[in-house]
Amino acid sequence: MIGTTTTGPSTKRNLARAGLVAMAALALVSCGGKKDRPKADLAASRVTTIGVNSYLWRASLDALSFMPLLQTDSNGGVIVTDWYANPNNPGERMKVTVAILDQDLRADALRVAASRQVNQNGIWVDAPVQAASVQKLEDVILTKARDLRRQAGAAK
């Protein structure tokens, strides 16, 4: 039948193995080692099939979903957007690059860079980007990544 589960001997054995593996992993995480940086939990860092933190990756894609993507590399952790002009301000356009530098969900594992251009007499000219804009985008991505991690922990 669809949707039914069995708890036969092999299923119970697999659950027991999974429990032992989880307990061993927790024991290793709680062991000594470097004290200069707190250890991230397993859900925050190592449960991934890509080369970088999956929560940061998904949050970055979500935060940039309104912009056209030029390049994405989930193993290298790089997202590059194409130029995007806000329909409310067509004389200005932005391009964003996000680099995820680590498998841990930490603020220093994320780098955002932006380029801005303004249209002057039909020619796009480079213009400065406000540092607050880049910082705000980093904050949005980090907040979304933490929310995703919380949701994943609650689903277990």
C-alpha atoms as a PDB file:
ATOM      1  CA  MET A   1       0.000   0.000   0.000  1.00  0.00           C
ATOM      2  CA  ILE A   2       1.105   3.573  -0.631  1.00  0.00           C
ATOM      3  CA  GLY A   3       2.104   5.516   2.456  1.00  0.00           C
ATOM      4  CA  THR A   4       2.484   2.533   4.789  1.00  0.00           C
ATOM      5  CA  THR A   5       5.662   1.842   6.707  1.00  0.00           C
ATOM      6  CA  THR A   6       7.048  -1.348   8.034  1.00  0.00           C
ATOM      7  CA  THR A   7       9.075  -1.849  11.142  1.00  0.00           C
ATOM      8  CA  GLY A   8      10.486  -5.231  10.377  1.00  0.00           C
ATOM      9  CA  PRO A   9      13.870  -6.495  11.622  1.00  0.00           C
ATOM     10  CA  SER A  10      15.890  -4.903   8.784  1.00  0.00           C
ATOM     11  CA  THR A  11      14.218  -1.511   9.248  1.00  0.00           C
ATOM     12  CA  LYS A  12      14.856  -1.625  12.988  1.00  0.00           C
ATOM     13  CA  ARG A  13      18.473  -2.621  12.339  1.00  0.00           C
ATOM     14  CA  ASN A  14      18.927   0.333   9.939  1.00  0.00           C
ATOM     15  CA  LEU A  15      17.384   2.731  12.460  1.00  0.00           C
ATOM     16  CA  ALA A  16      19.675   1.402  15.167  1.00  0.00           C
ATOM     17  CA  ARG A  17      22.720   1.895  12.900  1.00  0.00           C
ATOM     18  CA  ALA A  18      21.619   5.431  12.041  1.00  0.00           C
ATOM     19  CA  GLY A  19      21.201   6.188  15.741  1.00  0.00           C
ATOM     20  CA  LEU A  20      24.675   4.846  16.530  1.00  0.00           C
ATOM     21  CA  VAL A  21      26.225   6.902  13.722  1.00  0.00           C
ATOM     22  CA  ALA A  22      24.453  10.045  14.961  1.00  0.00           C
ATOM     23  CA  MET A  23      25.582   9.410  18.546  1.00  0.00           C
ATOM     24  CA  ALA A  24      29.175   8.814  17.412  1.00  0.00           C
ATOM     25  CA  ALA A  25      29.121  12.022  15.375  1.00  0.00           C
ATOM     26  CA  LEU A  26      27.807  13.993  18.361  1.00  0.00           C
ATOM     27  CA  ALA A  27      30.455  12.476  20.588  1.00  0.00           C
ATOM     28  CA  LEU A  28      33.189  13.522  18.158  1.00  0.00           C
ATOM     29  CA  VAL A  29      31.817  17.034  17.861  1.00  0.00           C
ATOM     30  CA  SER A  30      31.729  17.426  21.636  1.00  0.00           C
ATOM     31  CA  CYS A  31      35.296  16.147  22.044  1.00  0.00           C
ATOM     32  CA  GLY A  32      38.201  18.501  22.583  1.00  0.00           C
ATOM     33  CA  GLY A  33      40.129  20.053  19.767  1.00  0.00           C
ATOM     34  CA  LYS A  34      40.470  23.639  18.680  1.00  0.00           C
ATOM     35  CA  LYS A  35      38.865  25.945  21.188  1.00  0.00           C
ATOM     36  CA  ASP A  36      39.264  29.143  19.154  1.00  0.00           C
ATOM     37  CA  ARG A  37      36.111  28.563  17.120  1.00  0.00           C
ATOM     38  CA  PRO A  38      32.915  26.835  18.260  1.00  0.00           C
ATOM     39  CA  LYS A  39      32.008  23.739  16.323  1.00  0.00           C
ATOM     40  CA  ALA A  40      29.018  24.044  14.008  1.00  0.00           C
ATOM     41  CA  ASP A  41      26.360  21.387  14.270  1.00  0.00           C
ATOM     42  CA  LEU A  42      26.177  18.726  11.579  1.00  0.00           C
ATOM     43  CA  ALA A  43      22.953  20.096  10.115  1.00  0.00           C
ATOM     44  CA  ALA A  44      24.605  23.479   9.633  1.00  0.00           C
ATOM     45  CA  SER A  45      27.609  22.322   7.690  1.00  0.00           C
ATOM     46  CA  ARG A  46      28.241  18.812   6.506  1.00  0.00           C
ATOM     47  CA  VAL A  47      24.827  17.615   5.318  1.00  0.00           C
ATOM     48  CA  THR A  48      25.260  18.713   1.729  1.00  0.00           C
ATOM     49  CA  THR A  49      25.673  17.269  -1.719  1.00  0.00           C
ATOM     50  CA  ILE A  50      27.306  20.445  -3.011  1.00  0.00           C
ATOM     51  CA  GLY A  51      30.732  21.852  -2.229  1.00  0.00           C
ATOM     52  CA  VAL A  52      29.514  24.648   0.030  1.00  0.00           C
ATOM     53  CA  ASN A  53      26.979  25.212   2.791  1.00  0.00           C
ATOM     54  CA  SER A  54      23.624  24.289   1.297  1.00  0.00           C
ATOM     55  CA  TYR A  55      21.682  26.789   3.416  1.00  0.00           C
ATOM     56  CA  LEU A  56      23.855  29.694   2.267  1.00  0.00           C
ATOM     57  CA  TRP A  57      23.592  28.453  -1.316  1.00  0.00           C
ATOM     58  CA  ARG A  58      19.794  28.212  -1.288  1.00  0.00           C
ATOM     59  CA  ALA A  59      19.411  31.516   0.540  1.00  0.00           C
ATOM     60  CA  SER A  60      21.685  33.255  -1.977  1.00  0.00           C
ATOM     61  CA  LEU A  61      19.714  31.897  -4.923  1.00  0.00           C
ATOM     62  CA  ASP A  62      16.488  32.946  -3.250  1.00  0.00           C
ATOM     63  CA  ALA A  63      17.738  36.464  -2.477  1.00  0.00           C
ATOM     64  CA  LEU A  64      18.904  36.945  -6.073  1.00  0.00           C
ATOM     65  CA  SER A  65      15.913  35.275  -7.719  1.00  0.00           C
ATOM     66  CA  PHE A  66      14.660  38.566  -9.180  1.00  0.00           C
ATOM     67  CA  MET A  67      17.933  39.060 -11.111  1.00  0.00           C
ATOM     68  CA  PRO A  68      18.962  37.132 -14.245  1.00  0.00           C
ATOM     69  CA  LEU A  69      21.680  34.597 -13.405  1.00  0.00           C
ATOM     70  CA  LEU A  70      24.780  34.567 -15.576  1.00  0.00           C
ATOM     71  CA  GLN A  71      26.759  31.818 -13.840  1.00  0.00           C
ATOM     72  CA  THR A  72      26.263  29.413 -10.940  1.00  0.00           C
ATOM     73  CA  ASP A  73      28.775  26.933  -9.575  1.00  0.00           C
ATOM     74  CA  SER A  74      27.505  25.002  -6.560  1.00  0.00           C
ATOM     75  CA  ASN A  75      30.810  23.179  -6.044  1.00  0.00           C
ATOM     76  CA  GLY A  76      32.839  26.386  -6.092  1.00  0.00           C
ATOM     77  CA  GLY A  77      30.134  28.380  -4.342  1.00  0.00           C
ATOM     78  CA  VAL A  78      29.909  31.206  -6.877  1.00  0.00           C
ATOM     79  CA  ILE A  79      26.801  32.955  -8.181  1.00  0.00           C
ATOM     80  CA  VAL A  80      27.136  35.731 -10.768  1.00  0.00           C
ATOM     81  CA  THR A  81      24.131  37.709 -11.934  1.00  0.00           C
ATOM     82  CA  ASP A  82      23.755  39.578 -15.177  1.00  0.00           C
ATOM     83  CA  TRP A  83      22.947  43.284 -15.186  1.00  0.00           C
ATOM     84  CA  TYR A  84      19.577  44.084 -13.669  1.00  0.00           C
ATOM     85  CA  ALA A  85      17.734  47.379 -14.004  1.00  0.00           C
ATOM     86  CA  ASN A  86      14.858  48.055 -11.638  1.00  0.00           C
ATOM     87  CA  PRO A  87      11.784  48.939 -13.734  1.00  0.00           C
ATOM     88  CA  ASN A  88      11.173  51.879 -11.365  1.00  0.00           C
ATOM     89  CA  ASN A  89      14.690  53.223 -12.053  1.00  0.00           C
ATOM     90  CA  PRO A  90      15.736  52.170 -15.606  1.00  0.00           C
ATOM     91  CA  GLY A  91      18.680  54.611 -15.668  1.00  0.00           C
ATOM     92  CA  GLU A  92      20.592  52.487 -13.158  1.00  0.00           C
ATOM     93  CA  ARG A  93      21.609  48.832 -13.203  1.00  0.00           C
ATOM     94  CA  MET A  94      23.331  46.420 -10.822  1.00  0.00           C
ATOM     95  CA  LYS A  95      25.343  43.233 -11.119  1.00  0.00           C
ATOM     96  CA  VAL A  96      26.058  40.998  -8.096  1.00  0.00           C
ATOM     97  CA  THR A  97      28.590  38.267  -7.335  1.00  0.00           C
ATOM     98  CA  VAL A  98      28.139  36.012  -4.313  1.00  0.00           C
ATOM     99  CA  ALA A  99      30.935  33.740  -3.112  1.00  0.00           C
ATOM    100  CA  ILE A 100      30.343  31.107  -0.442  1.00  0.00           C
ATOM    101  CA  LEU A 101      33.722  30.299   1.057  1.00  0.00           C
ATOM    102  CA  ASP A 102      33.046  27.521   3.548  1.00  0.00           C
ATOM    103  CA  GLN A 103      30.800  24.595   4.409  1.00  0.00           C
ATOM    104  CA  ASP A 104      29.907  26.136   7.763  1.00  0.00           C
ATOM    105  CA  LEU A 105      27.021  28.545   8.193  1.00  0.00           C
ATOM    106  CA  ARG A 106      28.958  31.573   9.432  1.00  0.00           C
ATOM    107  CA  ALA A 107      28.955  35.238   8.465  1.00  0.00           C
ATOM    108  CA  ASP A 108      32.564  35.108   7.267  1.00  0.00           C
ATOM    109  CA  ALA A 109      31.703  32.249   4.900  1.00  0.00           C
ATOM    110  CA  LEU A 110      29.833  34.690   2.641  1.00  0.00           C
ATOM    111  CA  ARG A 111      31.213  37.429   0.357  1.00  0.00           C
ATOM    112  CA  VAL A 112      28.995  39.685  -1.728  1.00  0.00           C
ATOM    113  CA  ALA A 113      30.324  42.108  -4.325  1.00  0.00           C
ATOM    114  CA  ALA A 114      28.235  44.442  -6.447  1.00  0.00           C
ATOM    115  CA  SER A 115      28.792  46.660  -9.473  1.00  0.00           C
ATOM    116  CA  ARG A 116      26.586  49.582 -10.377  1.00  0.00           C
ATOM    117  CA  GLN A 117      26.240  51.588 -13.555  1.00  0.00           C
ATOM    118  CA  VAL A 118      24.204  54.644 -14.469  1.00  0.00           C
ATOM    119  CA  ASN A 119      23.050  55.593 -17.936  1.00  0.00           C
ATOM    120  CA  GLN A 120      24.507  58.926 -19.058  1.00  0.00           C
ATOM    121  CA  ASN A 121      23.392  60.022 -22.522  1.00  0.00           C
ATOM    122  CA  GLY A 122      22.869  56.423 -23.652  1.00  0.00           C
ATOM    123  CA  ILE A 123      26.196  55.135 -22.299  1.00  0.00           C
ATOM    124  CA  TRP A 124      26.476  52.960 -19.184  1.00  0.00           C
ATOM    125  CA  VAL A 125      29.070  54.465 -16.826  1.00  0.00           C
ATOM    126  CA  ASP A 126      30.439  52.811 -13.684  1.00  0.00           C
ATOM    127  CA  ALA A 127      29.191  54.347 -10.457  1.00  0.00           C
ATOM    128  CA  PRO A 128      29.978  53.650  -6.797  1.00  0.00           C
ATOM    129  CA  VAL A 129      27.935  51.129  -4.854  1.00  0.00           C
ATOM    130  CA  GLN A 130      26.879  52.081  -1.362  1.00  0.00           C
ATOM    131  CA  ALA A 131      28.547  49.768   1.143  1.00  0.00           C
ATOM    132  CA  ALA A 132      25.256  49.591   3.029  1.00  0.00           C
ATOM    133  CA  SER A 133      23.617  47.955  -0.015  1.00  0.00           C
ATOM    134  CA  VAL A 134      26.132  45.105  -0.067  1.00  0.00           C
ATOM    135  CA  GLN A 135      25.909  44.699   3.718  1.00  0.00           C
ATOM    136  CA  LYS A 136      22.114  44.602   3.574  1.00  0.00           C
ATOM    137  CA  LEU A 137      22.196  41.859   0.899  1.00  0.00           C
ATOM    138  CA  GLU A 138      24.641  39.830   3.013  1.00  0.00           C
ATOM    139  CA  ASP A 139      22.317  40.219   6.018  1.00  0.00           C
ATOM    140  CA  VAL A 140      19.302  39.099   3.971  1.00  0.00           C
ATOM    141  CA  ILE A 141      21.158  35.988   2.777  1.00  0.00           C
ATOM    142  CA  LEU A 142      22.444  35.088   6.263  1.00  0.00           C
ATOM    143  CA  THR A 143      19.021  35.559   7.837  1.00  0.00           C
ATOM    144  CA  LYS A 144      17.366  33.403   5.174  1.00  0.00           C
ATOM    145  CA  ALA A 145      20.056  30.700   5.573  1.00  0.00           C
ATOM    146  CA  ARG A 146      19.517  30.589   9.342  1.00  0.00           C
ATOM    147  CA  ASP A 147      15.753  30.355   8.807  1.00  0.00           C
ATOM    148  CA  LEU A 148      16.269  27.441   6.387  1.00  0.00           C
ATOM    149  CA  ARG A 149      18.480  25.660   8.945  1.00  0.00           C
ATOM    150  CA  ARG A 150      15.857  26.188  11.677  1.00  0.00           C
ATOM    151  CA  GLN A 151      13.121  24.854   9.408  1.00  0.00           C
ATOM    152  CA  ALA A 152      15.215  21.793   8.565  1.00  0.00           C
ATOM    153  CA  GLY A 153      15.839  21.133  12.266  1.00  0.00           C
ATOM    154  CA  ALA A 154      12.140  21.471  13.063  1.00  0.00           C
ATOM    155  CA  ALA A 155      11.197  19.042  10.293  1.00  0.00           C
ATOM    156  CA  LYS A 156      13.238  16.243  11.852  1.00  0.00           C
END
